[in-house]
Amino acid sequence: MPSAYAPPARKARWRRRHHAVGLSFVALVIAPVLAAACFLYAQAADQFVSRVGFTVQRKEAGPAFDIFGGLSSLSGASSDDTDILYEFIQSPSLVAEIDDALDLRAIWSRKRSDPVFGLSTDANLEDLVAYWRRMVHVRHGAGAGLLDIEVRAFDPVSAQRIAQTLMARSSTMINRLSNAAREDAIRHARGELRRAEGRLKAARMALTTFRNRHQLISPEMDLQSQAGVLGSLLEQQAHVMIESDLLRGTVRSGTDPRLKQAARRLAVIEKRIVAERRKLGIEGGTKDEAYASIVGEFERLMTEREFAERAYAATRASFEAAEAEARRKSRFLATFMAPTLAESAEYPRRETLLALIAGSLILLWAIGVLAGYAIRDRR
């Protein structure tokens, strides 16, 4: 009767494919891990870290008479400005500025024949920017608007110098933003003030030209004087007319010399009255001769000057208010962690890198072996 159980498996024996798997493990895992260990511990240069932390603050100072000025002058972090600063720190323009100041290529050049972590001496700006982003790490801090920056170099002093220069350039950029915002705030008010100044100058110049052309300071005063002359002439005319009437009532002959003299005097007075009336613009005469026209022009110019003066005063007050508001709001870089000076190297993290390399190689080797056995079984 046949057995219900399968016969036991034969004892495994060492075959040639097992030798191939073992050799592949040595070649693909052990040897690269040993090579990486030799490089990391023998040739890889130590990297020192300098850390710096700062934020952008907006200060709004209250007015001098505000009893709560201490509270109104409190400053707060600006996340928008911090985002701008975040992008600026990683920009090629900043890298080029710091390279001109410190010679980053010399600082980060390959040390001790380190072809992996060092920078090539003939690196161009694009290579330097890419390497900068490897050696300078920027991240947002725990609080709103905070930036934590980690700068690496092959000696602690160089790392600290790069961090200090980076902080100085960032402060300069923030000051430039603050100045630009302040200038934008008062540019419109300054333009209005210049237009008001021009209008006031034009009004005063027109009034001066008018006075020089007519050789007078105030036409109103001259008009009052001319009106007084006309009034005196009218009074004299009435007096002569009364005298003539009295003479006609007492003298019968019309050839009396006193009547002729009174008639001649009356004619002269009437002629002078007509001339004075023409000067005053009461009757006849041209526009240039009429005092009424001169006074009207003078009043128009005076009104224009007074309006220009009021407009200038209002515009000047608006400009000063805009300047005060711009000074009241300002940005500045607040450092909560000064650039540190490292005492020991933190990078490269050799054990971590070696473990990652070994784990990756083992995983790749295992996948390759399994794929090979799968192909063999399909055959």
Protein backbone atom coordinates (compact mmCIF):
# COMPACT_ATOMS: atom_id res chain seq x y z
CA MET A 1 0.00 0.00 0.00
CA PRO A 2 1.59 3.28 -1.02
CA SER A 3 2.46 5.87 1.71
CA ALA A 4 0.19 8.94 2.09
CA TYR A 5 3.16 11.19 2.86
CA ALA A 6 5.77 12.54 0.46
CA PRO A 7 9.25 11.23 0.93
CA PRO A 8 11.54 13.45 3.05
CA ALA A 9 13.67 16.03 1.23
CA ARG A 10 17.21 15.20 0.59
CA LYS A 11 19.94 16.85 2.56
CA ALA A 12 20.94 20.19 1.01
CA ARG A 13 24.30 20.30 -0.60
CA TRP A 14 26.57 23.20 -1.43
CA ARG A 15 26.27 23.90 -5.10
CA ARG A 16 28.00 26.14 -7.57
CA ARG A 17 25.19 28.70 -7.57
CA HIS A 18 25.66 29.09 -3.86
CA HIS A 19 29.28 30.03 -4.49
CA ALA A 20 28.08 32.63 -7.02
CA VAL A 21 25.62 34.11 -4.51
CA GLY A 22 28.31 34.30 -1.84
CA LEU A 23 30.79 35.88 -4.21
CA SER A 24 28.19 38.38 -5.37
CA PHE A 25 27.50 39.35 -1.75
CA VAL A 26 31.19 39.94 -1.16
CA ALA A 27 31.61 41.87 -4.41
CA LEU A 28 28.43 43.89 -4.27
CA VAL A 29 28.05 44.48 -0.52
CA ILE A 30 31.13 43.77 1.55
CA ALA A 31 33.68 45.33 -0.79
CA PRO A 32 31.73 48.60 -1.41
CA VAL A 33 31.00 48.94 2.30
CA LEU A 34 34.69 48.50 3.14
CA ALA A 35 35.65 50.98 0.43
CA ALA A 36 33.13 53.48 1.72
CA ALA A 37 34.38 52.98 5.29
CA CYS A 38 37.97 53.53 4.18
CA PHE A 39 36.98 56.72 2.37
CA LEU A 40 34.80 58.09 5.16
CA TYR A 41 37.35 57.49 7.91
CA ALA A 42 40.52 58.11 5.95
CA GLN A 43 39.81 60.74 3.30
CA ALA A 44 36.48 62.47 4.02
CA ALA A 45 37.19 65.88 5.52
CA ASP A 46 35.57 66.92 8.78
CA GLN A 47 32.86 69.57 8.49
CA PHE A 48 32.21 72.10 11.24
CA VAL A 49 28.86 73.83 11.71
CA SER A 50 28.03 77.41 12.65
CA ARG A 51 24.40 78.12 13.48
CA VAL A 52 22.63 81.45 13.39
CA GLY A 53 18.98 82.35 13.94
CA PHE A 54 17.10 85.56 13.25
CA THR A 55 13.73 86.98 12.30
CA VAL A 56 12.39 90.11 10.64
CA GLN A 57 10.61 92.46 13.01
CA ARG A 58 8.25 95.32 12.19
CA LYS A 59 8.28 98.10 14.72
CA GLU A 60 5.40 100.55 14.91
CA ALA A 61 6.24 103.36 17.30
CA GLY A 62 3.30 105.18 18.84
CA PRO A 63 3.03 108.96 19.10
CA ALA A 64 5.03 110.76 21.77
CA PHE A 65 1.93 111.83 23.69
CA ASP A 66 0.43 108.35 23.80
CA ILE A 67 0.30 107.16 27.40
CA PHE A 68 0.29 103.59 26.10
CA GLY A 69 3.37 104.21 23.92
CA GLY A 70 5.16 101.30 25.52
CA LEU A 71 2.47 98.95 24.26
CA SER A 72 2.02 100.50 20.84
CA SER A 73 5.75 100.30 20.12
CA LEU A 74 5.87 96.55 20.55
CA SER A 75 7.21 94.83 17.45
CA GLY A 76 5.99 91.69 15.78
CA ALA A 77 7.45 89.19 13.36
CA SER A 78 6.59 89.48 9.69
CA SER A 79 6.15 86.14 7.95
CA ASP A 80 6.06 87.80 4.51
CA ASP A 81 9.45 89.43 5.06
CA THR A 82 10.80 86.15 6.43
CA ASP A 83 9.70 84.34 3.27
CA ILE A 84 11.48 86.96 1.18
CA LEU A 85 14.59 86.53 3.31
CA TYR A 86 14.34 82.74 2.98
CA GLU A 87 14.48 83.01 -0.81
CA PHE A 88 17.20 85.68 -0.68
CA ILE A 89 19.54 83.46 1.35
CA GLN A 90 19.39 80.81 -1.37
CA SER A 91 19.66 83.24 -4.27
CA PRO A 92 22.66 83.35 -6.66
CA SER A 93 23.07 87.08 -6.01
CA LEU A 94 23.81 86.51 -2.32
CA VAL A 95 26.17 83.64 -3.15
CA ALA A 96 28.07 85.88 -5.58
CA GLU A 97 28.29 88.70 -2.98
CA ILE A 98 29.63 86.42 -0.25
CA ASP A 99 32.03 84.76 -2.72
CA ASP A 100 33.44 88.18 -3.61
CA ALA A 101 33.83 89.01 0.07
CA LEU A 102 35.22 85.69 1.40
CA ASP A 103 36.29 83.61 -1.66
CA LEU A 104 33.99 80.63 -1.06
CA ARG A 105 35.84 78.53 -3.63
CA ALA A 106 38.98 78.67 -1.51
CA ILE A 107 37.06 77.95 1.71
CA TRP A 108 35.15 74.97 0.29
CA SER A 109 37.79 73.57 -2.02
CA ARG A 110 38.53 69.85 -1.78
CA LYS A 111 40.50 68.96 1.33
CA ARG A 112 42.70 65.88 1.74
CA SER A 113 41.82 64.58 -1.71
CA ASP A 114 38.10 64.55 -0.86
CA PRO A 115 36.29 64.33 -4.23
CA VAL A 116 32.84 63.80 -2.68
CA PHE A 117 32.33 66.50 -0.06
CA GLY A 118 34.69 69.16 -1.41
CA LEU A 119 34.11 71.81 -4.09
CA SER A 120 36.01 71.75 -7.32
CA THR A 121 38.48 74.62 -7.61
CA ASP A 122 37.29 75.41 -11.15
CA ALA A 123 33.58 75.51 -10.21
CA ASN A 124 31.50 78.16 -11.95
CA LEU A 125 28.74 80.22 -10.32
CA GLU A 126 26.05 77.62 -10.99
CA ASP A 127 28.19 74.91 -9.38
CA LEU A 128 28.89 77.21 -6.45
CA VAL A 129 25.16 77.93 -5.96
CA ALA A 130 24.37 74.19 -6.01
CA TYR A 131 27.16 73.52 -3.49
CA TRP A 132 25.96 76.46 -1.34
CA ARG A 133 22.59 74.77 -0.99
CA ARG A 134 24.38 71.63 0.20
CA MET A 135 26.47 73.45 2.79
CA VAL A 136 23.98 76.14 3.92
CA HIS A 137 20.67 74.81 5.20
CA VAL A 138 17.81 77.23 5.88
CA ARG A 139 14.66 76.16 7.65
CA HIS A 140 11.77 77.85 9.39
CA GLY A 141 11.94 77.75 13.16
CA ALA A 142 9.29 76.67 15.60
CA GLY A 143 7.83 80.19 15.91
CA ALA A 144 6.22 82.25 13.20
CA GLY A 145 8.74 84.17 11.13
CA LEU A 146 11.84 82.51 12.63
CA LEU A 147 14.73 81.31 10.48
CA ASP A 148 17.33 78.77 11.61
CA ILE A 149 20.44 78.61 9.42
CA GLU A 150 23.17 75.98 9.50
CA VAL A 151 26.45 76.78 7.74
CA ARG A 152 29.09 74.11 7.15
CA ALA A 153 32.78 74.49 6.38
CA PHE A 154 35.96 72.48 6.78
CA ASP A 155 37.13 74.58 9.72
CA PRO A 156 35.08 76.28 12.46
CA VAL A 157 36.37 79.80 11.85
CA SER A 158 35.41 79.72 8.16
CA ALA A 159 31.92 78.46 9.02
CA GLN A 160 31.45 81.29 11.50
CA ARG A 161 32.74 83.88 9.01
CA ILE A 162 30.27 82.70 6.37
CA ALA A 163 27.43 82.83 8.91
CA GLN A 164 28.40 86.35 10.03
CA THR A 165 28.63 87.62 6.46
CA LEU A 166 25.30 85.99 5.61
CA MET A 167 23.66 87.71 8.57
CA ALA A 168 25.17 91.09 7.63
CA ARG A 169 23.99 90.79 4.01
CA SER A 170 20.52 89.77 5.19
CA SER A 171 20.36 92.79 7.49
CA THR A 172 21.39 95.05 4.59
CA MET A 173 18.68 93.57 2.40
CA ILE A 174 16.01 94.09 5.07
CA ASN A 175 17.15 97.69 5.57
CA ARG A 176 16.90 98.20 1.81
CA LEU A 177 13.37 96.83 1.83
CA SER A 178 12.46 99.10 4.73
CA ASN A 179 13.90 102.15 2.97
CA ALA A 180 12.09 101.26 -0.26
CA ALA A 181 8.78 100.87 1.58
CA ARG A 182 9.34 104.18 3.36
CA GLU A 183 10.14 105.94 0.08
CA ASP A 184 7.07 104.46 -1.60
CA ALA A 185 4.92 105.69 1.27
CA ILE A 186 6.02 109.33 0.89
CA ARG A 187 6.66 109.47 -2.89
CA HIS A 188 3.07 110.46 -3.70
CA ALA A 189 2.97 113.06 -0.93
CA ARG A 190 6.28 114.50 -2.14
CA GLY A 191 4.95 114.80 -5.69
CA GLU A 192 1.84 116.64 -4.47
CA LEU A 193 4.03 118.95 -2.40
CA ARG A 194 6.20 119.80 -5.40
CA ARG A 195 3.12 120.58 -7.49
CA ALA A 196 1.76 122.82 -4.72
CA GLU A 197 5.12 124.60 -4.47
CA GLY A 198 5.15 125.19 -8.22
CA ARG A 199 1.62 126.57 -8.16
CA LEU A 200 2.45 128.91 -5.28
CA LYS A 201 5.59 130.16 -7.03
CA ALA A 202 3.63 130.78 -10.24
CA ALA A 203 0.93 132.71 -8.35
CA ARG A 204 3.46 134.89 -6.57
CA MET A 205 5.38 135.51 -9.80
CA ALA A 206 2.18 136.56 -11.60
CA LEU A 207 1.33 138.99 -8.79
CA THR A 208 4.86 140.47 -8.86
CA THR A 209 4.69 140.90 -12.65
CA PHE A 210 1.32 142.66 -12.32
CA ARG A 211 2.69 145.12 -9.73
CA ASN A 212 5.78 145.86 -11.81
CA ARG A 213 3.70 146.44 -14.96
CA HIS A 214 1.31 148.90 -13.29
CA GLN A 215 3.90 150.42 -10.91
CA LEU A 216 1.79 149.97 -7.81
CA ILE A 217 1.67 147.82 -4.70
CA SER A 218 -2.06 147.83 -3.97
CA PRO A 219 -4.56 149.11 -6.57
CA GLU A 220 -7.16 149.43 -3.83
CA MET A 221 -5.13 152.13 -2.09
CA ASP A 222 -4.61 154.00 -5.37
CA LEU A 223 -8.31 153.58 -6.19
CA GLN A 224 -9.26 155.13 -2.87
CA SER A 225 -6.97 158.06 -3.63
CA GLN A 226 -8.49 158.55 -7.09
CA ALA A 227 -11.99 158.32 -5.63
CA GLY A 228 -11.04 161.02 -3.16
CA VAL A 229 -9.86 163.26 -6.03
CA LEU A 230 -13.13 162.67 -7.91
CA GLY A 231 -15.13 163.46 -4.79
CA SER A 232 -13.18 166.70 -4.32
CA LEU A 233 -13.81 167.68 -7.96
CA LEU A 234 -17.54 166.98 -7.63
CA GLU A 235 -17.62 169.10 -4.51
CA GLN A 236 -15.84 171.95 -6.30
CA GLN A 237 -18.23 171.57 -9.27
CA ALA A 238 -21.23 171.93 -6.98
CA HIS A 239 -19.68 174.94 -5.30
CA VAL A 240 -18.97 176.69 -8.65
CA MET A 241 -22.47 175.89 -9.91
CA ILE A 242 -23.97 177.39 -6.78
CA GLU A 243 -21.83 180.52 -7.16
CA SER A 244 -22.88 180.84 -10.82
CA ASP A 245 -26.54 180.55 -9.89
CA LEU A 246 -26.13 183.20 -7.22
CA LEU A 247 -24.38 185.53 -9.66
CA ARG A 248 -27.11 185.09 -12.29
CA GLY A 249 -29.68 186.07 -9.69
CA THR A 250 -27.88 189.30 -8.81
CA VAL A 251 -26.31 190.30 -12.13
CA ARG A 252 -28.53 191.18 -15.07
CA SER A 253 -25.95 191.36 -17.79
CA GLY A 254 -24.68 188.01 -19.11
CA THR A 255 -21.37 189.60 -19.98
CA ASP A 256 -20.29 189.92 -16.41
CA PRO A 257 -16.67 188.76 -16.12
CA ARG A 258 -17.42 186.87 -12.94
CA LEU A 259 -19.91 184.70 -14.79
CA LYS A 260 -17.41 184.03 -17.57
CA GLN A 261 -14.73 183.13 -15.05
CA ALA A 262 -17.15 180.81 -13.22
CA ALA A 263 -18.12 179.20 -16.54
CA ARG A 264 -14.46 178.60 -17.48
CA ARG A 265 -13.75 177.15 -14.04
CA LEU A 266 -16.79 174.90 -14.27
CA ALA A 267 -15.71 173.65 -17.72
CA VAL A 268 -12.23 172.78 -16.42
CA ILE A 269 -13.68 170.97 -13.42
CA GLU A 270 -16.12 169.00 -15.59
CA LYS A 271 -13.33 168.02 -17.98
CA ARG A 272 -11.21 166.82 -15.09
CA ILE A 273 -14.19 164.88 -13.68
CA VAL A 274 -14.65 163.11 -17.03
CA ALA A 275 -10.94 162.20 -17.07
CA GLU A 276 -11.05 160.90 -13.52
CA ARG A 277 -14.19 158.88 -14.27
CA ARG A 278 -12.43 157.30 -17.24
CA LYS A 279 -9.50 156.37 -15.01
CA LEU A 280 -11.84 154.71 -12.56
CA GLY A 281 -13.65 152.88 -15.36
CA ILE A 282 -16.96 154.50 -14.55
CA GLU A 283 -17.55 155.71 -18.08
CA GLY A 284 -15.69 155.48 -21.41
CA GLY A 285 -11.98 154.74 -21.57
CA THR A 286 -10.09 151.52 -22.48
CA LYS A 287 -9.67 148.43 -20.33
CA ASP A 288 -5.98 149.16 -19.67
CA GLU A 289 -6.86 152.67 -18.40
CA ALA A 290 -9.76 151.59 -16.17
CA TYR A 291 -8.93 151.25 -12.52
CA ALA A 292 -11.88 148.90 -12.09
CA SER A 293 -10.28 146.43 -14.51
CA ILE A 294 -6.92 146.77 -12.76
CA VAL A 295 -8.50 146.17 -9.37
CA GLY A 296 -10.40 143.16 -10.73
CA GLU A 297 -7.21 141.65 -12.11
CA PHE A 298 -5.40 142.35 -8.85
CA GLU A 299 -8.13 140.69 -6.80
CA ARG A 300 -8.06 137.66 -9.08
CA LEU A 301 -4.29 137.32 -8.63
CA MET A 302 -4.58 137.79 -4.86
CA THR A 303 -7.27 135.12 -4.69
CA GLU A 304 -5.12 132.74 -6.71
CA ARG A 305 -2.16 133.35 -4.41
CA GLU A 306 -4.21 132.86 -1.25
CA PHE A 307 -5.68 129.63 -2.62
CA ALA A 308 -2.20 128.42 -3.60
CA GLU A 309 -0.90 129.26 -0.10
CA ARG A 310 -3.73 127.32 1.55
CA ALA A 311 -3.22 124.37 -0.80
CA TYR A 312 0.53 124.42 -0.10
CA ALA A 313 -0.05 124.50 3.66
CA ALA A 314 -2.44 121.54 3.45
CA THR A 315 -0.11 119.59 1.16
CA ARG A 316 2.85 120.34 3.43
CA ALA A 317 0.93 119.01 6.41
CA SER A 318 0.01 115.85 4.45
CA PHE A 319 3.65 115.34 3.45
CA GLU A 320 4.87 115.71 7.03
CA ALA A 321 2.18 113.28 8.19
CA ALA A 322 3.27 110.76 5.54
CA GLU A 323 6.90 111.14 6.63
CA ALA A 324 5.94 110.63 10.27
CA GLU A 325 3.91 107.53 9.37
CA ALA A 326 6.83 106.15 7.35
CA ARG A 327 9.23 106.72 10.23
CA ARG A 328 6.77 105.12 12.61
CA LYS A 329 6.86 101.83 10.71
CA SER A 330 10.22 100.19 10.17
CA ARG A 331 11.75 96.75 9.64
CA PHE A 332 14.87 95.38 11.25
CA LEU A 333 16.66 92.06 11.59
CA ALA A 334 16.41 90.63 15.12
CA THR A 335 19.01 87.97 15.92
CA PHE A 336 18.01 85.43 18.55
CA MET A 337 21.11 83.24 18.03
CA ALA A 338 24.45 84.77 17.06
CA PRO A 339 26.78 82.81 14.71
CA THR A 340 28.30 80.04 16.80
CA LEU A 341 31.90 78.77 16.73
CA ALA A 342 32.02 74.95 16.61
CA GLU A 343 34.42 73.01 18.84
CA SER A 344 34.02 69.63 17.14
CA ALA A 345 33.04 68.37 13.71
CA GLU A 346 29.44 67.27 13.17
CA TYR A 347 29.70 66.14 9.56
CA PRO A 348 30.03 63.88 7.74
CA ARG A 349 28.08 61.54 9.97
CA ARG A 350 30.16 58.52 9.12
CA GLU A 351 28.23 55.84 11.02
CA THR A 352 24.90 57.00 9.60
CA LEU A 353 26.25 57.18 6.05
CA LEU A 354 27.90 53.77 6.38
CA ALA A 355 24.70 52.21 7.70
CA LEU A 356 22.69 53.73 4.84
CA ILE A 357 25.19 52.50 2.27
CA ALA A 358 25.25 48.98 3.75
CA GLY A 359 21.47 48.77 4.03
CA SER A 360 20.96 50.01 0.46
CA LEU A 361 23.53 47.58 -0.95
CA ILE A 362 22.06 44.64 0.96
CA LEU A 363 18.58 45.51 -0.26
CA LEU A 364 19.74 45.82 -3.86
CA TRP A 365 21.74 42.56 -3.58
CA ALA A 366 18.77 40.69 -2.12
CA ILE A 367 16.46 41.96 -4.87
CA GLY A 368 19.01 40.88 -7.48
CA VAL A 369 19.37 37.39 -5.99
CA LEU A 370 15.61 36.90 -5.76
CA ALA A 371 15.20 38.08 -9.34
CA GLY A 372 17.89 35.64 -10.46
CA TYR A 373 16.25 32.68 -8.72
CA ALA A 374 12.85 33.67 -10.12
CA ILE A 375 14.27 33.63 -13.66
CA ARG A 376 15.96 30.25 -12.98
CA ASP A 377 12.73 28.70 -11.67
CA ARG A 378 10.82 29.88 -14.75
CA ARG A 379 13.22 27.95 -16.91
